[in-house]
Amino acid sequence: MAVHYRGTSYKTSAGHPYPPTYKQMKNIVDKLIKRKKYNKIFLCTEDLKMFKILKKIYKNKLIYKESYRSNKDDAFKIYPRKYHRFKLGKEIIVEALIISKCEGFLSTETNISNFVNIIMNNNKPKFYKIENGYNSTNEYYAMWLWYLKRVLPSFLGGFRKSIQISNPKFN
């Protein structure tokens, strides 16, 4: 199973799908491993915190490429290596091609999930779309809503403990 977690900027980007919280992600991955009998997880993420959490939990089940990861939304603001932007593009294209060879694919709707769907022409892998709602289109509210929703109980507008997973054909 492949997991693509867009975390850093998706948490604060106006109008974008909310990424799952760390607890939600663990619950979803555990559920899919149990139901579908996946024995390996290919992780594609730029979010260093999520990477470390899943690496600690899934240990030798986790497969990944050494790609750029950060705790902040700074991939296009700070250039820590020569040809950084070129390398970001190359890394994600290689990871998308790997994802396309996996049996299952868990992701929110992203450009990468759409790209994988296009190159595979809806054949494989089986998509599991995380549906956690969408951020506000107001850029000032959007900067804070994910962080607020992750600590609020669901009856006060926080994220649900278990979230919707569908098996769509991404548009």
N, C-alpha and C. Protein backbone atom coordinates (compact mmCIF):
# COMPACT_ATOMS: atom_id res chain seq x y z
N MET A 1 0.84 -1.18 0.00
CA MET A 1 0.00 0.00 0.00
C MET A 1 0.89 1.24 0.00
N ALA A 2 0.48 2.23 -0.77
CA ALA A 2 1.18 3.52 -0.78
C ALA A 2 0.36 4.52 0.01
N VAL A 3 1.05 5.38 0.72
CA VAL A 3 0.43 6.47 1.48
C VAL A 3 1.09 7.76 1.05
N HIS A 4 0.27 8.69 0.54
CA HIS A 4 0.78 10.02 0.21
C HIS A 4 0.15 10.99 1.19
N TYR A 5 0.98 11.58 2.04
CA TYR A 5 0.50 12.52 3.05
C TYR A 5 1.02 13.91 2.72
N ARG A 6 0.14 14.79 2.27
CA ARG A 6 0.48 16.20 2.04
C ARG A 6 0.14 16.92 3.32
N GLY A 7 1.15 17.25 4.09
CA GLY A 7 0.89 17.80 5.40
C GLY A 7 1.22 19.26 5.58
N THR A 8 2.42 19.67 5.26
CA THR A 8 2.88 21.00 5.68
C THR A 8 1.97 22.11 5.19
N SER A 9 1.90 22.37 3.91
CA SER A 9 1.10 23.49 3.41
C SER A 9 -0.39 23.16 3.34
N TYR A 10 -0.76 21.89 3.25
CA TYR A 10 -2.18 21.53 3.17
C TYR A 10 -2.91 21.87 4.47
N LYS A 11 -2.21 21.93 5.57
CA LYS A 11 -2.84 22.28 6.85
C LYS A 11 -3.33 23.72 6.84
N THR A 12 -2.69 24.58 6.06
CA THR A 12 -2.98 26.01 6.13
C THR A 12 -3.40 26.63 4.80
N SER A 13 -3.51 25.87 3.76
CA SER A 13 -3.85 26.41 2.43
C SER A 13 -5.35 26.59 2.27
N ALA A 14 -5.74 27.79 1.92
CA ALA A 14 -7.15 28.10 1.74
C ALA A 14 -7.76 27.25 0.62
N GLY A 15 -8.93 26.68 0.93
CA GLY A 15 -9.68 25.91 -0.07
C GLY A 15 -9.17 24.52 -0.35
N HIS A 16 -8.10 24.09 0.30
CA HIS A 16 -7.55 22.76 0.06
C HIS A 16 -8.17 21.73 1.00
N PRO A 17 -8.11 20.45 0.62
CA PRO A 17 -8.59 19.40 1.53
C PRO A 17 -7.75 19.38 2.80
N TYR A 18 -8.40 19.17 3.94
CA TYR A 18 -7.66 19.01 5.18
C TYR A 18 -6.93 17.68 5.18
N PRO A 19 -5.66 17.66 5.55
CA PRO A 19 -5.01 16.36 5.75
C PRO A 19 -5.49 15.78 7.08
N PRO A 20 -5.40 14.48 7.24
CA PRO A 20 -5.80 13.90 8.52
C PRO A 20 -4.82 14.31 9.62
N THR A 21 -5.30 14.25 10.85
CA THR A 21 -4.40 14.44 11.98
C THR A 21 -3.51 13.20 12.07
N TYR A 22 -2.53 13.24 12.93
CA TYR A 22 -1.62 12.10 13.06
C TYR A 22 -2.37 10.88 13.60
N LYS A 23 -3.27 11.09 14.56
CA LYS A 23 -4.06 9.96 15.10
C LYS A 23 -4.99 9.39 14.04
N GLN A 24 -5.63 10.26 13.27
CA GLN A 24 -6.51 9.78 12.21
C GLN A 24 -5.73 8.95 11.20
N MET A 25 -4.54 9.42 10.82
CA MET A 25 -3.74 8.70 9.83
C MET A 25 -3.37 7.31 10.33
N LYS A 26 -2.94 7.21 11.57
CA LYS A 26 -2.60 5.90 12.13
C LYS A 26 -3.83 4.99 12.11
N ASN A 27 -4.98 5.51 12.50
CA ASN A 27 -6.21 4.70 12.51
C ASN A 27 -6.58 4.21 11.12
N ILE A 28 -6.46 5.09 10.12
CA ILE A 28 -6.80 4.72 8.74
C ILE A 28 -5.84 3.65 8.22
N VAL A 29 -4.55 3.86 8.42
CA VAL A 29 -3.56 2.90 7.93
C VAL A 29 -3.75 1.55 8.62
N ASP A 30 -3.96 1.56 9.94
CA ASP A 30 -4.20 0.31 10.66
C ASP A 30 -5.42 -0.42 10.11
N LYS A 31 -6.48 0.32 9.85
CA LYS A 31 -7.72 -0.26 9.34
C LYS A 31 -7.50 -0.90 7.96
N LEU A 32 -6.78 -0.21 7.08
CA LEU A 32 -6.53 -0.76 5.74
C LEU A 32 -5.60 -1.97 5.79
N ILE A 33 -4.59 -1.93 6.65
CA ILE A 33 -3.69 -3.08 6.80
C ILE A 33 -4.48 -4.30 7.26
N LYS A 34 -5.37 -4.09 8.22
CA LYS A 34 -6.16 -5.21 8.74
C LYS A 34 -7.15 -5.74 7.70
N ARG A 35 -7.88 -4.83 7.05
CA ARG A 35 -8.92 -5.25 6.10
C ARG A 35 -8.35 -5.82 4.81
N LYS A 36 -7.31 -5.20 4.30
CA LYS A 36 -6.79 -5.57 2.97
C LYS A 36 -5.53 -6.41 3.03
N LYS A 37 -5.03 -6.66 4.22
CA LYS A 37 -3.86 -7.52 4.43
C LYS A 37 -2.59 -6.96 3.75
N TYR A 38 -2.45 -5.64 3.72
CA TYR A 38 -1.22 -5.04 3.18
C TYR A 38 -0.09 -5.33 4.17
N ASN A 39 1.06 -5.73 3.66
CA ASN A 39 2.17 -6.04 4.57
C ASN A 39 3.31 -5.03 4.47
N LYS A 40 3.26 -4.13 3.51
CA LYS A 40 4.27 -3.07 3.36
C LYS A 40 3.57 -1.76 3.07
N ILE A 41 4.20 -0.67 3.51
CA ILE A 41 3.66 0.67 3.28
C ILE A 41 4.75 1.50 2.61
N PHE A 42 4.45 2.01 1.42
CA PHE A 42 5.36 2.96 0.78
C PHE A 42 4.86 4.35 1.15
N LEU A 43 5.68 5.10 1.88
CA LEU A 43 5.28 6.42 2.37
C LEU A 43 5.91 7.51 1.53
N CYS A 44 5.06 8.41 1.06
CA CYS A 44 5.48 9.58 0.31
C CYS A 44 4.94 10.80 1.06
N THR A 45 5.83 11.56 1.69
CA THR A 45 5.40 12.75 2.42
C THR A 45 6.53 13.76 2.51
N GLU A 46 6.15 15.04 2.54
CA GLU A 46 7.10 16.10 2.78
C GLU A 46 7.07 16.53 4.24
N ASP A 47 6.13 15.95 5.01
CA ASP A 47 5.91 16.32 6.41
C ASP A 47 6.81 15.48 7.31
N LEU A 48 7.84 16.10 7.86
CA LEU A 48 8.84 15.39 8.67
C LEU A 48 8.23 14.77 9.92
N LYS A 49 7.30 15.47 10.56
CA LYS A 49 6.69 14.93 11.77
C LYS A 49 5.90 13.66 11.47
N MET A 50 5.08 13.68 10.41
CA MET A 50 4.32 12.48 10.03
C MET A 50 5.27 11.35 9.65
N PHE A 51 6.32 11.67 8.92
CA PHE A 51 7.32 10.66 8.55
C PHE A 51 7.88 9.97 9.79
N LYS A 52 8.30 10.75 10.77
CA LYS A 52 8.88 10.18 12.00
C LYS A 52 7.87 9.35 12.78
N ILE A 53 6.64 9.81 12.85
CA ILE A 53 5.59 9.08 13.57
C ILE A 53 5.34 7.72 12.91
N LEU A 54 5.13 7.72 11.60
CA LEU A 54 4.84 6.46 10.91
C LEU A 54 6.06 5.52 10.89
N LYS A 55 7.25 6.08 10.82
CA LYS A 55 8.46 5.26 10.86
C LYS A 55 8.59 4.56 12.21
N LYS A 56 8.27 5.28 13.27
CA LYS A 56 8.34 4.70 14.62
C LYS A 56 7.28 3.61 14.81
N ILE A 57 6.08 3.83 14.29
CA ILE A 57 4.98 2.88 14.47
C ILE A 57 5.16 1.63 13.61
N TYR A 58 5.47 1.82 12.32
CA TYR A 58 5.45 0.70 11.37
C TYR A 58 6.81 0.09 11.09
N LYS A 59 7.86 0.67 11.61
CA LYS A 59 9.23 0.15 11.55
C LYS A 59 9.58 -0.52 10.22
N ASN A 60 9.75 -1.83 10.22
CA ASN A 60 10.23 -2.53 9.02
C ASN A 60 9.15 -2.73 7.96
N LYS A 61 7.89 -2.36 8.25
CA LYS A 61 6.84 -2.40 7.23
C LYS A 61 6.92 -1.18 6.32
N LEU A 62 7.62 -0.14 6.77
CA LEU A 62 7.64 1.13 6.05
C LEU A 62 8.78 1.19 5.04
N ILE A 63 8.42 1.57 3.82
CA ILE A 63 9.38 1.76 2.73
C ILE A 63 9.26 3.21 2.30
N TYR A 64 10.38 3.85 2.02
CA TYR A 64 10.36 5.25 1.63
C TYR A 64 11.63 5.60 0.87
N LYS A 65 11.56 6.69 0.16
CA LYS A 65 12.75 7.24 -0.51
C LYS A 65 13.26 8.37 0.35
N GLU A 66 14.55 8.59 0.29
CA GLU A 66 15.15 9.72 1.01
C GLU A 66 14.86 10.99 0.22
N SER A 67 13.77 11.63 0.54
CA SER A 67 13.33 12.85 -0.12
C SER A 67 13.35 13.99 0.88
N TYR A 68 13.19 15.20 0.36
CA TYR A 68 13.17 16.38 1.22
C TYR A 68 11.93 16.35 2.11
N ARG A 69 12.15 16.58 3.41
CA ARG A 69 11.05 16.65 4.37
C ARG A 69 11.30 17.82 5.31
N SER A 70 10.20 18.40 5.80
CA SER A 70 10.30 19.58 6.65
C SER A 70 9.15 19.62 7.63
N ASN A 71 9.32 20.34 8.73
CA ASN A 71 8.24 20.57 9.68
C ASN A 71 7.42 21.81 9.32
N LYS A 72 7.91 22.58 8.38
CA LYS A 72 7.26 23.84 8.03
C LYS A 72 6.94 23.85 6.54
N ASP A 73 6.13 24.82 6.17
CA ASP A 73 5.80 25.00 4.76
C ASP A 73 6.88 25.87 4.13
N ASP A 74 8.07 25.29 3.97
CA ASP A 74 9.19 26.10 3.48
C ASP A 74 9.90 25.49 2.26
N ALA A 75 9.30 24.50 1.64
CA ALA A 75 9.96 23.83 0.52
C ALA A 75 10.27 24.78 -0.63
N PHE A 76 9.44 25.80 -0.81
CA PHE A 76 9.67 26.75 -1.90
C PHE A 76 10.14 28.11 -1.39
N LYS A 77 10.52 28.17 -0.12
CA LYS A 77 11.01 29.41 0.46
C LYS A 77 12.48 29.30 0.86
N ILE A 78 12.88 28.14 1.29
CA ILE A 78 14.26 27.91 1.73
C ILE A 78 14.86 26.84 0.81
N TYR A 79 16.06 27.10 0.34
CA TYR A 79 16.72 26.16 -0.58
C TYR A 79 17.96 25.58 0.10
N PRO A 80 17.79 24.45 0.80
CA PRO A 80 18.88 23.89 1.59
C PRO A 80 19.92 23.09 0.79
N ARG A 81 19.68 22.91 -0.49
CA ARG A 81 20.60 22.12 -1.31
C ARG A 81 20.65 22.69 -2.72
N LYS A 82 21.70 22.40 -3.40
CA LYS A 82 21.87 22.87 -4.77
C LYS A 82 20.79 22.23 -5.65
N TYR A 83 20.20 23.02 -6.55
CA TYR A 83 19.13 22.57 -7.45
C TYR A 83 17.92 22.03 -6.67
N HIS A 84 17.61 22.66 -5.55
CA HIS A 84 16.55 22.20 -4.65
C HIS A 84 15.21 22.01 -5.35
N ARG A 85 14.74 22.99 -6.08
CA ARG A 85 13.42 22.89 -6.71
C ARG A 85 13.39 21.80 -7.78
N PHE A 86 14.46 21.66 -8.54
CA PHE A 86 14.55 20.58 -9.52
C PHE A 86 14.47 19.23 -8.80
N LYS A 87 15.21 19.11 -7.70
CA LYS A 87 15.23 17.85 -6.95
C LYS A 87 13.86 17.54 -6.34
N LEU A 88 13.14 18.57 -5.86
CA LEU A 88 11.78 18.34 -5.36
C LEU A 88 10.90 17.72 -6.44
N GLY A 89 10.96 18.29 -7.63
CA GLY A 89 10.16 17.77 -8.75
C GLY A 89 10.55 16.35 -9.12
N LYS A 90 11.83 16.10 -9.20
CA LYS A 90 12.31 14.75 -9.55
C LYS A 90 11.88 13.74 -8.49
N GLU A 91 12.02 14.11 -7.22
CA GLU A 91 11.67 13.19 -6.13
C GLU A 91 10.19 12.81 -6.18
N ILE A 92 9.32 13.79 -6.39
CA ILE A 92 7.90 13.48 -6.36
C ILE A 92 7.46 12.71 -7.60
N ILE A 93 8.08 12.95 -8.73
CA ILE A 93 7.75 12.16 -9.93
C ILE A 93 8.16 10.71 -9.74
N VAL A 94 9.35 10.48 -9.21
CA VAL A 94 9.81 9.11 -8.95
C VAL A 94 8.87 8.44 -7.94
N GLU A 95 8.50 9.16 -6.88
CA GLU A 95 7.60 8.58 -5.89
C GLU A 95 6.22 8.28 -6.48
N ALA A 96 5.73 9.16 -7.34
CA ALA A 96 4.43 8.93 -7.99
C ALA A 96 4.48 7.67 -8.86
N LEU A 97 5.58 7.46 -9.55
CA LEU A 97 5.71 6.25 -10.37
C LEU A 97 5.74 4.99 -9.50
N ILE A 98 6.39 5.08 -8.36
CA ILE A 98 6.39 3.95 -7.41
C ILE A 98 4.98 3.70 -6.89
N ILE A 99 4.29 4.78 -6.50
CA ILE A 99 2.91 4.66 -6.01
C ILE A 99 2.04 3.94 -7.04
N SER A 100 2.24 4.26 -8.31
CA SER A 100 1.41 3.67 -9.36
C SER A 100 1.58 2.16 -9.48
N LYS A 101 2.61 1.61 -8.89
CA LYS A 101 2.84 0.16 -8.94
C LYS A 101 2.35 -0.56 -7.68
N CYS A 102 1.84 0.19 -6.71
CA CYS A 102 1.35 -0.42 -5.47
C CYS A 102 -0.07 -0.93 -5.63
N GLU A 103 -0.46 -1.85 -4.78
CA GLU A 103 -1.80 -2.44 -4.84
C GLU A 103 -2.88 -1.49 -4.34
N GLY A 104 -2.55 -0.64 -3.37
CA GLY A 104 -3.51 0.31 -2.82
C GLY A 104 -2.84 1.65 -2.64
N PHE A 105 -3.64 2.71 -2.59
CA PHE A 105 -3.10 4.06 -2.50
C PHE A 105 -4.02 4.92 -1.65
N LEU A 106 -3.50 5.40 -0.52
CA LEU A 106 -4.25 6.23 0.42
C LEU A 106 -3.75 7.66 0.33
N SER A 107 -4.69 8.61 0.12
CA SER A 107 -4.30 10.01 -0.03
C SER A 107 -5.51 10.90 0.07
N THR A 108 -5.28 12.18 0.42
CA THR A 108 -6.30 13.18 0.16
C THR A 108 -6.20 13.50 -1.32
N GLU A 109 -7.10 14.32 -1.82
CA GLU A 109 -6.99 14.70 -3.23
C GLU A 109 -5.86 15.71 -3.38
N THR A 110 -4.87 15.36 -4.18
CA THR A 110 -3.71 16.21 -4.43
C THR A 110 -3.37 16.13 -5.91
N ASN A 111 -2.46 16.97 -6.34
CA ASN A 111 -1.99 16.86 -7.72
C ASN A 111 -1.33 15.51 -7.97
N ILE A 112 -0.65 14.98 -6.96
CA ILE A 112 0.01 13.68 -7.11
C ILE A 112 -1.02 12.56 -7.23
N SER A 113 -2.06 12.58 -6.41
CA SER A 113 -3.08 11.53 -6.53
C SER A 113 -3.76 11.61 -7.89
N ASN A 114 -4.00 12.82 -8.37
CA ASN A 114 -4.59 12.96 -9.70
C ASN A 114 -3.63 12.47 -10.79
N PHE A 115 -2.35 12.79 -10.66
CA PHE A 115 -1.35 12.35 -11.63
C PHE A 115 -1.26 10.82 -11.68
N VAL A 116 -1.22 10.19 -10.50
CA VAL A 116 -1.16 8.72 -10.45
C VAL A 116 -2.40 8.13 -11.13
N ASN A 117 -3.55 8.71 -10.86
CA ASN A 117 -4.79 8.24 -11.48
C ASN A 117 -4.73 8.35 -13.00
N ILE A 118 -4.19 9.44 -13.50
CA ILE A 118 -4.09 9.64 -14.95
C ILE A 118 -3.12 8.65 -15.59
N ILE A 119 -1.95 8.50 -15.02
CA ILE A 119 -0.96 7.62 -15.67
C ILE A 119 -1.36 6.15 -15.58
N MET A 120 -2.18 5.82 -14.60
CA MET A 120 -2.63 4.44 -14.48
C MET A 120 -3.96 4.21 -15.18
N ASN A 121 -4.58 5.27 -15.71
CA ASN A 121 -5.82 5.15 -16.47
C ASN A 121 -6.89 4.38 -15.69
N ASN A 122 -6.99 4.67 -14.39
CA ASN A 122 -8.00 4.07 -13.50
C ASN A 122 -7.86 2.55 -13.32
N ASN A 123 -6.74 1.96 -13.69
CA ASN A 123 -6.59 0.51 -13.56
C ASN A 123 -6.11 0.09 -12.18
N LYS A 124 -5.00 0.60 -11.77
CA LYS A 124 -4.36 0.20 -10.53
C LYS A 124 -3.57 1.40 -10.09
N PRO A 125 -3.38 1.69 -8.90
CA PRO A 125 -3.78 0.96 -7.69
C PRO A 125 -5.21 1.28 -7.28
N LYS A 126 -5.67 0.60 -6.24
CA LYS A 126 -6.98 0.89 -5.69
C LYS A 126 -6.83 2.13 -4.81
N PHE A 127 -7.60 3.17 -5.12
CA PHE A 127 -7.50 4.43 -4.40
C PHE A 127 -8.39 4.43 -3.16
N TYR A 128 -7.85 4.97 -2.08
CA TYR A 128 -8.62 5.22 -0.87
C TYR A 128 -8.46 6.71 -0.59
N LYS A 129 -9.52 7.45 -0.81
CA LYS A 129 -9.47 8.90 -0.66
C LYS A 129 -9.87 9.29 0.76
N ILE A 130 -9.02 10.07 1.40
CA ILE A 130 -9.30 10.58 2.74
C ILE A 130 -10.16 11.83 2.59
N GLU A 131 -11.31 11.82 3.22
CA GLU A 131 -12.21 12.95 3.14
C GLU A 131 -12.40 13.54 4.54
N ASN A 132 -11.69 14.62 4.80
CA ASN A 132 -11.70 15.28 6.10
C ASN A 132 -12.27 16.69 5.99
N GLY A 133 -12.88 17.01 4.87
CA GLY A 133 -13.42 18.33 4.65
C GLY A 133 -12.40 19.25 3.99
N TYR A 134 -12.82 20.49 3.76
CA TYR A 134 -11.98 21.47 3.08
C TYR A 134 -11.75 22.68 3.97
N ASN A 135 -10.58 23.25 3.85
CA ASN A 135 -10.23 24.44 4.60
C ASN A 135 -11.04 25.63 4.08
N SER A 136 -11.13 26.65 4.89
CA SER A 136 -11.81 27.88 4.51
C SER A 136 -11.14 28.50 3.29
N THR A 137 -11.91 29.20 2.49
CA THR A 137 -11.33 29.93 1.37
C THR A 137 -10.76 31.27 1.81
N ASN A 138 -11.02 31.66 3.04
CA ASN A 138 -10.44 32.87 3.61
C ASN A 138 -9.02 32.54 4.08
N GLU A 139 -8.03 33.14 3.46
CA GLU A 139 -6.63 32.77 3.75
C GLU A 139 -6.22 33.06 5.20
N TYR A 140 -6.87 34.01 5.85
CA TYR A 140 -6.51 34.31 7.24
C TYR A 140 -7.05 33.25 8.20
N TYR A 141 -8.29 32.80 7.97
CA TYR A 141 -8.85 31.72 8.78
C TYR A 141 -8.13 30.41 8.48
N ALA A 142 -7.84 30.20 7.22
CA ALA A 142 -7.24 28.93 6.79
C ALA A 142 -5.90 28.66 7.49
N MET A 143 -5.19 29.71 7.84
CA MET A 143 -3.88 29.52 8.49
C MET A 143 -4.00 28.82 9.85
N TRP A 144 -5.18 28.89 10.48
CA TRP A 144 -5.33 28.40 11.85
C TRP A 144 -6.34 27.27 12.01
N LEU A 145 -7.23 27.09 11.06
CA LEU A 145 -8.35 26.16 11.25
C LEU A 145 -7.94 24.72 11.49
N TRP A 146 -6.97 24.18 10.73
CA TRP A 146 -6.58 22.79 10.93
C TRP A 146 -6.08 22.57 12.35
N TYR A 147 -5.28 23.52 12.84
CA TYR A 147 -4.72 23.40 14.18
C TYR A 147 -5.81 23.49 15.25
N LEU A 148 -6.81 24.33 15.02
CA LEU A 148 -7.93 24.44 15.95
C LEU A 148 -8.80 23.19 15.90
N LYS A 149 -9.14 22.74 14.69
CA LYS A 149 -10.02 21.58 14.54
C LYS A 149 -9.40 20.30 15.10
N ARG A 150 -8.08 20.20 15.11
CA ARG A 150 -7.47 18.96 15.61
C ARG A 150 -7.56 18.85 17.13
N VAL A 151 -7.75 19.96 17.85
CA VAL A 151 -7.84 19.90 19.31
C VAL A 151 -9.27 20.01 19.82
N LEU A 152 -10.20 20.51 18.99
CA LEU A 152 -11.59 20.62 19.41
C LEU A 152 -12.30 19.28 19.31
N PRO A 153 -13.23 19.02 20.21
CA PRO A 153 -14.06 17.82 20.04
C PRO A 153 -14.95 17.99 18.80
N SER A 154 -15.36 16.89 18.21
CA SER A 154 -16.12 16.96 16.96
C SER A 154 -17.44 17.71 17.14
N PHE A 155 -18.07 17.65 18.33
CA PHE A 155 -19.34 18.35 18.50
C PHE A 155 -19.16 19.86 18.55
N LEU A 156 -17.91 20.34 18.66
CA LEU A 156 -17.62 21.77 18.60
C LEU A 156 -16.93 22.16 17.29
N GLY A 157 -16.98 21.27 16.30
CA GLY A 157 -16.41 21.58 14.99
C GLY A 157 -15.05 20.97 14.74
N GLY A 158 -14.55 20.17 15.68
CA GLY A 158 -13.26 19.51 15.48
C GLY A 158 -13.39 18.32 14.54
N PHE A 159 -12.26 17.76 14.18
CA PHE A 159 -12.25 16.60 13.30
C PHE A 159 -12.86 15.39 14.01
N ARG A 160 -13.51 14.53 13.23
CA ARG A 160 -14.03 13.28 13.76
C ARG A 160 -12.86 12.33 14.03
N LYS A 161 -13.05 11.43 14.99
CA LYS A 161 -11.99 10.46 15.28
C LYS A 161 -11.77 9.52 14.10
N SER A 162 -12.87 9.03 13.53
CA SER A 162 -12.74 8.21 12.33
C SER A 162 -13.26 9.05 11.18
N ILE A 163 -12.54 9.05 10.09
CA ILE A 163 -12.92 9.90 8.98
C ILE A 163 -13.36 9.07 7.80
N GLN A 164 -14.02 9.73 6.89
CA GLN A 164 -14.54 9.07 5.71
C GLN A 164 -13.42 8.65 4.77
N ILE A 165 -13.43 7.42 4.36
CA ILE A 165 -12.52 6.93 3.33
C ILE A 165 -13.39 6.41 2.21
N SER A 166 -13.19 6.93 1.02
CA SER A 166 -13.97 6.45 -0.12
C SER A 166 -13.03 5.87 -1.16
N ASN A 167 -13.60 5.19 -2.10
CA ASN A 167 -12.81 4.61 -3.18
C ASN A 167 -13.27 5.21 -4.50
N PRO A 168 -12.96 6.51 -4.69
CA PRO A 168 -13.44 7.20 -5.89
C PRO A 168 -12.50 7.05 -7.06
N LYS A 169 -12.96 7.52 -8.18
CA LYS A 169 -12.05 7.80 -9.29
C LYS A 169 -11.84 9.30 -9.21
N PHE A 170 -10.65 9.70 -8.82
CA PHE A 170 -10.37 11.13 -8.66
C PHE A 170 -10.65 11.84 -9.97
N ASN A 171 -11.19 13.04 -9.87
CA ASN A 171 -11.49 13.84 -11.06
C ASN A 171 -10.23 14.44 -11.63
